Amino acid sequence: MKFKIFSDIANLTRFAAESFVEIGSRAIEEKGWFAVALSGGSTPKALYQLLASESFKNKIDWTKVFFFFGDERRVPPDDEESNFRMANENFFQLLRIPDENIFRWQTELGNAGKIAADYEQRIENFFELDVKPPAHAGGSDKKSPRFDLILLGMGTDGHTASLFPFTEAVKTGCVSGRSTVAVNYVEKLGETRFTMTFPVINNAANIIFLITGAEKAETLKEVLEGEYNPEKFPAQKVKPTNGNLLWLVDAEAARLLQ
């Protein structure tokens, strides 16, 4: 694990953009494409805008970048709460990313199980995974896709993606035999979320946390320096099995760390 503290969000965002380009360019050079799972939130929004700016837009071959989403709300793709809409308006449209390079949750399908099954299948098809375990395995033997980069945030309650404290997807690591994605009901919000699971997140080649704001300071201290309790602080469960983990944190969020 590597950890970097920045004086302000602007410096953090620029470093994140440089890291994105470096990881992406290396993946494209090595295998011809770059698969990244995006996050929602204000800090990623600033990152996407910077990547689409004159300073960065010509630093990577966007035709070879394939975009996924680590999680999504159960809302239409044009809803103001949609992670896809935020990325589309602040990133994809600015760079004219072709539709075939964007893999979003098809929330318009209506049924939550159908939405999750569709996304899982499209991820597995992209990575060409052979994921047909024996009937008795219940999905536990399924292979996980290996993203080149997964971007993550963290809430004030310690959740990451839509893996909220004490929810089923945090307790079991997967839901209903799926190891790639989960339909995760969040009781305290009274709503259903869609999310990639820990096996997928931890199988990534690179994971970058983007953490900003004084309101995250107490939780960040618990996650990084407190007792290991991942059901209460799900972000603690992000531990790459064979990859790099980078925390990018601004000074306000890091103010309580030893």
C-alpha atoms as a PDB file:
ATOM      1  CA  MET A   1       0.000   0.000   0.000  1.00  0.00           C
ATOM      2  CA  LYS A   2       1.175   3.516  -0.821  1.00  0.00           C
ATOM      3  CA  PHE A   3      -0.206   6.656   0.746  1.00  0.00           C
ATOM      4  CA  LYS A   4       0.110  10.264  -0.419  1.00  0.00           C
ATOM      5  CA  ILE A   5      -1.166  13.434   1.252  1.00  0.00           C
ATOM      6  CA  PHE A   6      -1.809  16.576  -0.786  1.00  0.00           C
ATOM      7  CA  SER A   7      -2.199  20.166   0.344  1.00  0.00           C
ATOM      8  CA  ASP A   8      -5.390  20.630  -1.665  1.00  0.00           C
ATOM      9  CA  ILE A   9      -7.810  18.887  -4.019  1.00  0.00           C
ATOM     10  CA  ALA A  10      -6.256  20.463  -7.125  1.00  0.00           C
ATOM     11  CA  ASN A  11      -2.863  18.858  -6.499  1.00  0.00           C
ATOM     12  CA  LEU A  12      -4.490  15.547  -5.604  1.00  0.00           C
ATOM     13  CA  THR A  13      -6.552  15.588  -8.790  1.00  0.00           C
ATOM     14  CA  ARG A  14      -3.547  16.351 -10.978  1.00  0.00           C
ATOM     15  CA  PHE A  15      -1.560  13.486  -9.459  1.00  0.00           C
ATOM     16  CA  ALA A  16      -4.551  11.173  -9.943  1.00  0.00           C
ATOM     17  CA  ALA A  17      -4.794  12.202 -13.596  1.00  0.00           C
ATOM     18  CA  GLU A  18      -1.102  11.568 -14.125  1.00  0.00           C
ATOM     19  CA  SER A  19      -1.450   8.152 -12.476  1.00  0.00           C
ATOM     20  CA  PHE A  20      -4.476   7.338 -14.657  1.00  0.00           C
ATOM     21  CA  VAL A  21      -2.532   8.157 -17.813  1.00  0.00           C
ATOM     22  CA  GLU A  22       0.560   6.272 -16.662  1.00  0.00           C
ATOM     23  CA  ILE A  23      -1.361   3.106 -15.762  1.00  0.00           C
ATOM     24  CA  GLY A  24      -3.496   3.305 -18.888  1.00  0.00           C
ATOM     25  CA  SER A  25      -0.628   3.918 -21.276  1.00  0.00           C
ATOM     26  CA  ARG A  26       1.330   1.030 -19.791  1.00  0.00           C
ATOM     27  CA  ALA A  27      -1.653  -1.319 -20.154  1.00  0.00           C
ATOM     28  CA  ILE A  28      -2.190  -0.263 -23.775  1.00  0.00           C
ATOM     29  CA  GLU A  29       1.482  -0.736 -24.569  1.00  0.00           C
ATOM     30  CA  GLU A  30       1.543  -4.190 -22.977  1.00  0.00           C
ATOM     31  CA  LYS A  31      -1.718  -5.668 -24.273  1.00  0.00           C
ATOM     32  CA  GLY A  32      -3.421  -3.122 -26.533  1.00  0.00           C
ATOM     33  CA  TRP A  33      -6.249  -1.954 -24.238  1.00  0.00           C
ATOM     34  CA  PHE A  34      -6.982  -0.449 -20.824  1.00  0.00           C
ATOM     35  CA  ALA A  35      -9.976  -1.411 -18.667  1.00  0.00           C
ATOM     36  CA  VAL A  36     -10.939   0.955 -15.860  1.00  0.00           C
ATOM     37  CA  ALA A  37     -13.834   0.967 -13.395  1.00  0.00           C
ATOM     38  CA  LEU A  38     -14.962   4.470 -12.504  1.00  0.00           C
ATOM     39  CA  SER A  39     -16.335   5.899  -9.272  1.00  0.00           C
ATOM     40  CA  GLY A  40     -18.962   8.558  -8.623  1.00  0.00           C
ATOM     41  CA  GLY A  41     -18.648  11.632  -6.423  1.00  0.00           C
ATOM     42  CA  SER A  42     -17.275  15.170  -6.506  1.00  0.00           C
ATOM     43  CA  THR A  43     -13.569  14.292  -6.418  1.00  0.00           C
ATOM     44  CA  PRO A  44     -13.803  11.849  -9.363  1.00  0.00           C
ATOM     45  CA  LYS A  45     -15.845  14.472 -11.215  1.00  0.00           C
ATOM     46  CA  ALA A  46     -12.923  16.889 -10.971  1.00  0.00           C
ATOM     47  CA  LEU A  47     -10.584  14.119 -12.140  1.00  0.00           C
ATOM     48  CA  TYR A  48     -12.736  13.349 -15.189  1.00  0.00           C
ATOM     49  CA  GLN A  49     -12.912  17.016 -16.132  1.00  0.00           C
ATOM     50  CA  LEU A  50      -9.137  17.315 -15.894  1.00  0.00           C
ATOM     51  CA  LEU A  51      -8.560  14.183 -17.982  1.00  0.00           C
ATOM     52  CA  ALA A  52     -10.826  15.654 -20.670  1.00  0.00           C
ATOM     53  CA  SER A  53      -9.036  19.020 -20.596  1.00  0.00           C
ATOM     54  CA  GLU A  54      -6.428  20.302 -23.043  1.00  0.00           C
ATOM     55  CA  SER A  55      -3.722  19.384 -20.535  1.00  0.00           C
ATOM     56  CA  PHE A  56      -4.468  15.660 -20.587  1.00  0.00           C
ATOM     57  CA  LYS A  57      -6.806  14.680 -23.410  1.00  0.00           C
ATOM     58  CA  ASN A  58      -3.997  13.898 -25.852  1.00  0.00           C
ATOM     59  CA  LYS A  59      -1.858  11.920 -23.407  1.00  0.00           C
ATOM     60  CA  ILE A  60      -3.600   8.580 -23.981  1.00  0.00           C
ATOM     61  CA  ASP A  61      -5.310   6.795 -26.871  1.00  0.00           C
ATOM     62  CA  TRP A  62      -8.951   6.955 -25.748  1.00  0.00           C
ATOM     63  CA  THR A  63     -10.078   4.565 -28.484  1.00  0.00           C
ATOM     64  CA  LYS A  64      -8.314   1.814 -26.520  1.00  0.00           C
ATOM     65  CA  VAL A  65      -9.791   2.689 -23.121  1.00  0.00           C
ATOM     66  CA  PHE A  66     -12.830   0.728 -21.924  1.00  0.00           C
ATOM     67  CA  PHE A  67     -14.931   2.176 -19.112  1.00  0.00           C
ATOM     68  CA  PHE A  68     -16.933   0.338 -16.478  1.00  0.00           C
ATOM     69  CA  PHE A  69     -18.596   1.485 -13.246  1.00  0.00           C
ATOM     70  CA  GLY A  70     -17.782   0.099  -9.824  1.00  0.00           C
ATOM     71  CA  ASP A  71     -21.290   0.837  -8.614  1.00  0.00           C
ATOM     72  CA  GLU A  72     -24.530   2.526  -9.570  1.00  0.00           C
ATOM     73  CA  ARG A  73     -27.772   3.756  -8.069  1.00  0.00           C
ATOM     74  CA  ARG A  74     -31.076   2.241  -9.130  1.00  0.00           C
ATOM     75  CA  VAL A  75     -32.045   5.251 -11.233  1.00  0.00           C
ATOM     76  CA  PRO A  76     -32.406   5.892 -14.980  1.00  0.00           C
ATOM     77  CA  PRO A  77     -29.149   6.726 -16.799  1.00  0.00           C
ATOM     78  CA  ASP A  78     -30.253  10.343 -17.289  1.00  0.00           C
ATOM     79  CA  ASP A  79     -31.107  10.863 -13.604  1.00  0.00           C
ATOM     80  CA  GLU A  80     -29.064  13.489 -11.756  1.00  0.00           C
ATOM     81  CA  GLU A  81     -28.075  10.818  -9.179  1.00  0.00           C
ATOM     82  CA  SER A  82     -26.667   8.490 -11.838  1.00  0.00           C
ATOM     83  CA  ASN A  83     -22.923   7.836 -11.767  1.00  0.00           C
ATOM     84  CA  PHE A  84     -23.089   7.210 -15.496  1.00  0.00           C
ATOM     85  CA  ARG A  85     -24.700  10.582 -16.164  1.00  0.00           C
ATOM     86  CA  MET A  86     -22.000  12.387 -14.186  1.00  0.00           C
ATOM     87  CA  ALA A  87     -19.214  10.623 -16.073  1.00  0.00           C
ATOM     88  CA  ASN A  88     -20.994  11.050 -19.397  1.00  0.00           C
ATOM     89  CA  GLU A  89     -21.409  14.811 -19.013  1.00  0.00           C
ATOM     90  CA  ASN A  90     -17.974  15.502 -17.545  1.00  0.00           C
ATOM     91  CA  PHE A  91     -15.858  12.943 -19.359  1.00  0.00           C
ATOM     92  CA  PHE A  92     -17.268  10.804 -22.164  1.00  0.00           C
ATOM     93  CA  GLN A  93     -19.045  13.523 -24.133  1.00  0.00           C
ATOM     94  CA  LEU A  94     -16.092  15.891 -23.883  1.00  0.00           C
ATOM     95  CA  LEU A  95     -13.767  13.266 -25.329  1.00  0.00           C
ATOM     96  CA  ARG A  96     -16.362  11.790 -27.708  1.00  0.00           C
ATOM     97  CA  ILE A  97     -15.827   8.311 -26.317  1.00  0.00           C
ATOM     98  CA  PRO A  98     -17.616   5.796 -28.567  1.00  0.00           C
ATOM     99  CA  ASP A  99     -20.570   3.968 -27.033  1.00  0.00           C
ATOM    100  CA  GLU A 100     -18.925   0.591 -27.576  1.00  0.00           C
ATOM    101  CA  ASN A 101     -16.161   1.603 -25.143  1.00  0.00           C
ATOM    102  CA  ILE A 102     -18.621   2.366 -22.323  1.00  0.00           C
ATOM    103  CA  PHE A 103     -20.084  -0.418 -20.187  1.00  0.00           C
ATOM    104  CA  ARG A 104     -22.750   0.975 -17.881  1.00  0.00           C
ATOM    105  CA  TRP A 105     -25.331  -0.688 -15.670  1.00  0.00           C
ATOM    106  CA  GLN A 106     -28.494  -1.032 -17.791  1.00  0.00           C
ATOM    107  CA  THR A 107     -30.753   0.318 -15.058  1.00  0.00           C
ATOM    108  CA  GLU A 108     -33.599   0.793 -17.518  1.00  0.00           C
ATOM    109  CA  LEU A 109     -34.071  -3.000 -17.515  1.00  0.00           C
ATOM    110  CA  GLY A 110     -36.145  -2.482 -14.363  1.00  0.00           C
ATOM    111  CA  ASN A 111     -35.741  -5.739 -12.469  1.00  0.00           C
ATOM    112  CA  ALA A 112     -32.743  -5.545 -10.115  1.00  0.00           C
ATOM    113  CA  GLY A 113     -31.725  -9.141 -10.641  1.00  0.00           C
ATOM    114  CA  LYS A 114     -31.856  -8.729 -14.397  1.00  0.00           C
ATOM    115  CA  ILE A 115     -29.754  -5.554 -14.227  1.00  0.00           C
ATOM    116  CA  ALA A 116     -27.080  -7.317 -12.173  1.00  0.00           C
ATOM    117  CA  ALA A 117     -27.089 -10.461 -14.328  1.00  0.00           C
ATOM    118  CA  ASP A 118     -26.771  -8.370 -17.486  1.00  0.00           C
ATOM    119  CA  TYR A 119     -23.811  -6.406 -16.135  1.00  0.00           C
ATOM    120  CA  GLU A 120     -22.065  -9.476 -14.815  1.00  0.00           C
ATOM    121  CA  GLN A 121     -22.436 -11.201 -18.175  1.00  0.00           C
ATOM    122  CA  ARG A 122     -21.109  -8.218 -20.116  1.00  0.00           C
ATOM    123  CA  ILE A 123     -18.095  -7.940 -17.813  1.00  0.00           C
ATOM    124  CA  GLU A 124     -17.369 -11.639 -18.173  1.00  0.00           C
ATOM    125  CA  ASN A 125     -17.784 -11.465 -21.940  1.00  0.00           C
ATOM    126  CA  PHE A 126     -15.382  -8.536 -22.154  1.00  0.00           C
ATOM    127  CA  PHE A 127     -12.720 -10.388 -20.186  1.00  0.00           C
ATOM    128  CA  GLU A 128     -13.636 -13.667 -21.927  1.00  0.00           C
ATOM    129  CA  LEU A 129     -13.904 -15.532 -18.665  1.00  0.00           C
ATOM    130  CA  ASP A 130     -14.925 -19.152 -18.447  1.00  0.00           C
ATOM    131  CA  VAL A 131     -17.175 -18.815 -15.419  1.00  0.00           C
ATOM    132  CA  LYS A 132     -19.347 -21.904 -15.334  1.00  0.00           C
ATOM    133  CA  PRO A 133     -18.627 -23.564 -11.967  1.00  0.00           C
ATOM    134  CA  PRO A 134     -20.085 -26.937 -10.988  1.00  0.00           C
ATOM    135  CA  ALA A 135     -23.691 -26.754  -9.821  1.00  0.00           C
ATOM    136  CA  HIS A 136     -22.699 -27.400  -6.218  1.00  0.00           C
ATOM    137  CA  ALA A 137     -20.156 -24.562  -6.170  1.00  0.00           C
ATOM    138  CA  GLY A 138     -22.738 -21.781  -5.963  1.00  0.00           C
ATOM    139  CA  GLY A 139     -20.449 -19.401  -7.796  1.00  0.00           C
ATOM    140  CA  SER A 140     -17.575 -19.663  -5.345  1.00  0.00           C
ATOM    141  CA  ASP A 141     -15.208 -21.056  -7.994  1.00  0.00           C
ATOM    142  CA  LYS A 142     -15.907 -18.311 -10.492  1.00  0.00           C
ATOM    143  CA  LYS A 143     -12.959 -16.388 -11.821  1.00  0.00           C
ATOM    144  CA  SER A 144     -12.768 -12.653 -11.244  1.00  0.00           C
ATOM    145  CA  PRO A 145     -12.052 -10.173 -14.048  1.00  0.00           C
ATOM    146  CA  ARG A 146      -8.800  -8.277 -13.726  1.00  0.00           C
ATOM    147  CA  PHE A 147      -9.259  -4.568 -14.247  1.00  0.00           C
ATOM    148  CA  ASP A 148      -6.175  -2.503 -14.930  1.00  0.00           C
ATOM    149  CA  LEU A 149      -7.488   0.217 -12.618  1.00  0.00           C
ATOM    150  CA  ILE A 150     -10.392   0.613 -10.212  1.00  0.00           C
ATOM    151  CA  LEU A 151     -11.116   4.058  -8.776  1.00  0.00           C
ATOM    152  CA  LEU A 152     -12.738   4.146  -5.352  1.00  0.00           C
ATOM    153  CA  GLY A 153     -14.043   6.707  -2.900  1.00  0.00           C
ATOM    154  CA  MET A 154     -15.000   6.325   0.743  1.00  0.00           C
ATOM    155  CA  GLY A 155     -18.055   7.611   2.577  1.00  0.00           C
ATOM    156  CA  THR A 156     -18.108   9.038   6.071  1.00  0.00           C
ATOM    157  CA  ASP A 157     -19.444   5.666   7.226  1.00  0.00           C
ATOM    158  CA  GLY A 158     -16.509   3.792   5.683  1.00  0.00           C
ATOM    159  CA  HIS A 159     -18.369   2.388   2.678  1.00  0.00           C
ATOM    160  CA  THR A 160     -16.706   2.096  -0.689  1.00  0.00           C
ATOM    161  CA  ALA A 161     -18.377   1.556  -4.071  1.00  0.00           C
ATOM    162  CA  SER A 162     -21.863   0.582  -2.819  1.00  0.00           C
ATOM    163  CA  LEU A 163     -20.506  -1.810  -0.220  1.00  0.00           C
ATOM    164  CA  PHE A 164     -22.120  -0.288   2.856  1.00  0.00           C
ATOM    165  CA  PRO A 165     -21.541  -1.313   6.488  1.00  0.00           C
ATOM    166  CA  PHE A 166     -23.338  -4.466   7.658  1.00  0.00           C
ATOM    167  CA  THR A 167     -24.941  -5.137   4.260  1.00  0.00           C
ATOM    168  CA  GLU A 168     -25.090  -8.607   2.756  1.00  0.00           C
ATOM    169  CA  ALA A 169     -22.477  -7.949   0.068  1.00  0.00           C
ATOM    170  CA  VAL A 170     -19.971  -6.927   2.760  1.00  0.00           C
ATOM    171  CA  LYS A 171     -20.698  -9.903   5.005  1.00  0.00           C
ATOM    172  CA  THR A 172     -20.492 -12.569   2.316  1.00  0.00           C
ATOM    173  CA  GLY A 173     -18.358 -10.967  -0.378  1.00  0.00           C
ATOM    174  CA  CYS A 174     -21.004 -11.812  -2.958  1.00  0.00           C
ATOM    175  CA  VAL A 175     -24.788 -12.205  -3.192  1.00  0.00           C
ATOM    176  CA  SER A 176     -26.943 -15.005  -4.603  1.00  0.00           C
ATOM    177  CA  GLY A 177     -24.019 -16.926  -6.059  1.00  0.00           C
ATOM    178  CA  ARG A 178     -22.623 -13.942  -7.964  1.00  0.00           C
ATOM    179  CA  SER A 179     -18.974 -13.188  -7.343  1.00  0.00           C
ATOM    180  CA  THR A 180     -18.642 -10.321  -9.830  1.00  0.00           C
ATOM    181  CA  VAL A 181     -21.509  -7.957  -8.961  1.00  0.00           C
ATOM    182  CA  ALA A 182     -24.164  -7.661  -6.273  1.00  0.00           C
ATOM    183  CA  VAL A 183     -27.611  -6.214  -5.781  1.00  0.00           C
ATOM    184  CA  ASN A 184     -27.055  -4.680  -2.375  1.00  0.00           C
ATOM    185  CA  TYR A 185     -29.981  -3.390  -0.315  1.00  0.00           C
ATOM    186  CA  VAL A 186     -28.889  -0.587   2.029  1.00  0.00           C
ATOM    187  CA  GLU A 187     -31.390  -0.455   4.868  1.00  0.00           C
ATOM    188  CA  LYS A 188     -30.307   2.901   6.289  1.00  0.00           C
ATOM    189  CA  LEU A 189     -30.852   4.501   2.868  1.00  0.00           C
ATOM    190  CA  GLY A 190     -33.975   2.521   2.113  1.00  0.00           C
ATOM    191  CA  GLU A 191     -32.705   1.802  -1.385  1.00  0.00           C
ATOM    192  CA  THR A 192     -31.063  -0.802  -3.557  1.00  0.00           C
ATOM    193  CA  ARG A 193     -27.609  -0.259  -4.990  1.00  0.00           C
ATOM    194  CA  PHE A 194     -25.616  -2.154  -7.619  1.00  0.00           C
ATOM    195  CA  THR A 195     -21.955  -2.786  -6.953  1.00  0.00           C
ATOM    196  CA  MET A 196     -18.903  -4.770  -7.928  1.00  0.00           C
ATOM    197  CA  THR A 197     -17.839  -7.149  -5.188  1.00  0.00           C
ATOM    198  CA  PHE A 198     -14.654  -7.393  -3.142  1.00  0.00           C
ATOM    199  CA  PRO A 199     -13.300 -10.368  -5.143  1.00  0.00           C
ATOM    200  CA  VAL A 200     -13.403  -8.204  -8.280  1.00  0.00           C
ATOM    201  CA  ILE A 201     -12.037  -5.092  -6.585  1.00  0.00           C
ATOM    202  CA  ASN A 202      -9.188  -6.976  -4.934  1.00  0.00           C
ATOM    203  CA  ASN A 203      -8.262  -8.711  -8.183  1.00  0.00           C
ATOM    204  CA  ALA A 204      -7.476  -5.396  -9.917  1.00  0.00           C
ATOM    205  CA  ALA A 205      -3.943  -4.616 -11.026  1.00  0.00           C
ATOM    206  CA  ASN A 206      -4.252  -1.116  -9.530  1.00  0.00           C
ATOM    207  CA  ILE A 207      -6.688   0.433  -7.047  1.00  0.00           C
ATOM    208  CA  ILE A 208      -6.718   4.151  -6.276  1.00  0.00           C
ATOM    209  CA  PHE A 209      -8.701   5.662  -3.421  1.00  0.00           C
ATOM    210  CA  LEU A 210      -9.570   9.356  -3.773  1.00  0.00           C
ATOM    211  CA  ILE A 211     -10.355  10.806  -0.327  1.00  0.00           C
ATOM    212  CA  THR A 212     -11.016  14.496   0.353  1.00  0.00           C
ATOM    213  CA  GLY A 213     -12.700  16.593   3.014  1.00  0.00           C
ATOM    214  CA  ALA A 214     -12.474  17.115   6.775  1.00  0.00           C
ATOM    215  CA  GLU A 215     -15.689  15.127   7.281  1.00  0.00           C
ATOM    216  CA  LYS A 216     -13.787  11.959   6.262  1.00  0.00           C
ATOM    217  CA  ALA A 217     -10.974  12.406   8.809  1.00  0.00           C
ATOM    218  CA  GLU A 218     -12.354  10.360  11.707  1.00  0.00           C
ATOM    219  CA  THR A 219     -13.431   7.494   9.497  1.00  0.00           C
ATOM    220  CA  LEU A 220     -10.163   7.466   7.589  1.00  0.00           C
ATOM    221  CA  LYS A 221      -8.272   7.172  10.865  1.00  0.00           C
ATOM    222  CA  GLU A 222     -10.432   4.189  11.872  1.00  0.00           C
ATOM    223  CA  VAL A 223     -10.000   2.530   8.486  1.00  0.00           C
ATOM    224  CA  LEU A 224      -6.217   2.909   8.338  1.00  0.00           C
ATOM    225  CA  GLU A 225      -5.164   2.886  11.977  1.00  0.00           C
ATOM    226  CA  GLY A 226      -8.058   1.386  13.931  1.00  0.00           C
ATOM    227  CA  GLU A 227      -9.058  -2.170  14.731  1.00  0.00           C
ATOM    228  CA  TYR A 228      -9.820  -4.346  11.727  1.00  0.00           C
ATOM    229  CA  ASN A 229     -13.603  -4.460  11.495  1.00  0.00           C
ATOM    230  CA  PRO A 230     -14.565  -4.577   7.807  1.00  0.00           C
ATOM    231  CA  GLU A 231     -18.284  -5.139   8.397  1.00  0.00           C
ATOM    232  CA  LYS A 232     -18.353  -1.740  10.116  1.00  0.00           C
ATOM    233  CA  PHE A 233     -15.731  -0.128   7.848  1.00  0.00           C
ATOM    234  CA  PRO A 234     -15.951  -1.908   4.480  1.00  0.00           C
ATOM    235  CA  ALA A 235     -13.080   0.098   2.989  1.00  0.00           C
ATOM    236  CA  GLN A 236     -10.769  -1.963   5.215  1.00  0.00           C
ATOM    237  CA  LYS A 237     -11.604  -4.982   3.080  1.00  0.00           C
ATOM    238  CA  VAL A 238      -9.898  -3.515   0.016  1.00  0.00           C
ATOM    239  CA  LYS A 239      -6.671  -5.501  -0.099  1.00  0.00           C
ATOM    240  CA  PRO A 240      -5.358  -6.380  -3.559  1.00  0.00           C
ATOM    241  CA  THR A 241      -4.404 -10.030  -3.967  1.00  0.00           C
ATOM    242  CA  ASN A 242      -1.816  -9.252  -6.653  1.00  0.00           C
ATOM    243  CA  GLY A 243      -1.891  -5.544  -7.351  1.00  0.00           C
ATOM    244  CA  ASN A 244      -1.090  -2.040  -6.182  1.00  0.00           C
ATOM    245  CA  LEU A 245      -3.133  -0.002  -3.701  1.00  0.00           C
ATOM    246  CA  LEU A 246      -2.724   3.777  -3.625  1.00  0.00           C
ATOM    247  CA  TRP A 247      -4.475   6.157  -1.239  1.00  0.00           C
ATOM    248  CA  LEU A 248      -4.599   9.778  -2.423  1.00  0.00           C
ATOM    249  CA  VAL A 249      -5.771  11.962   0.454  1.00  0.00           C
ATOM    250  CA  ASP A 250      -5.996  15.711   0.976  1.00  0.00           C
ATOM    251  CA  ALA A 251      -4.661  17.363   4.123  1.00  0.00           C
ATOM    252  CA  GLU A 252      -8.108  17.872   5.651  1.00  0.00           C
ATOM    253  CA  ALA A 253      -9.024  14.210   5.416  1.00  0.00           C
ATOM    254  CA  ALA A 254      -5.593  13.188   6.736  1.00  0.00           C
ATOM    255  CA  ARG A 255      -5.500  15.597   9.685  1.00  0.00           C
ATOM    256  CA  LEU A 256      -6.021  12.923  12.389  1.00  0.00           C
ATOM    257  CA  LEU A 257      -3.624  10.302  11.057  1.00  0.00           C
ATOM    258  CA  GLN A 258      -0.507   9.399  13.012  1.00  0.00           C
END
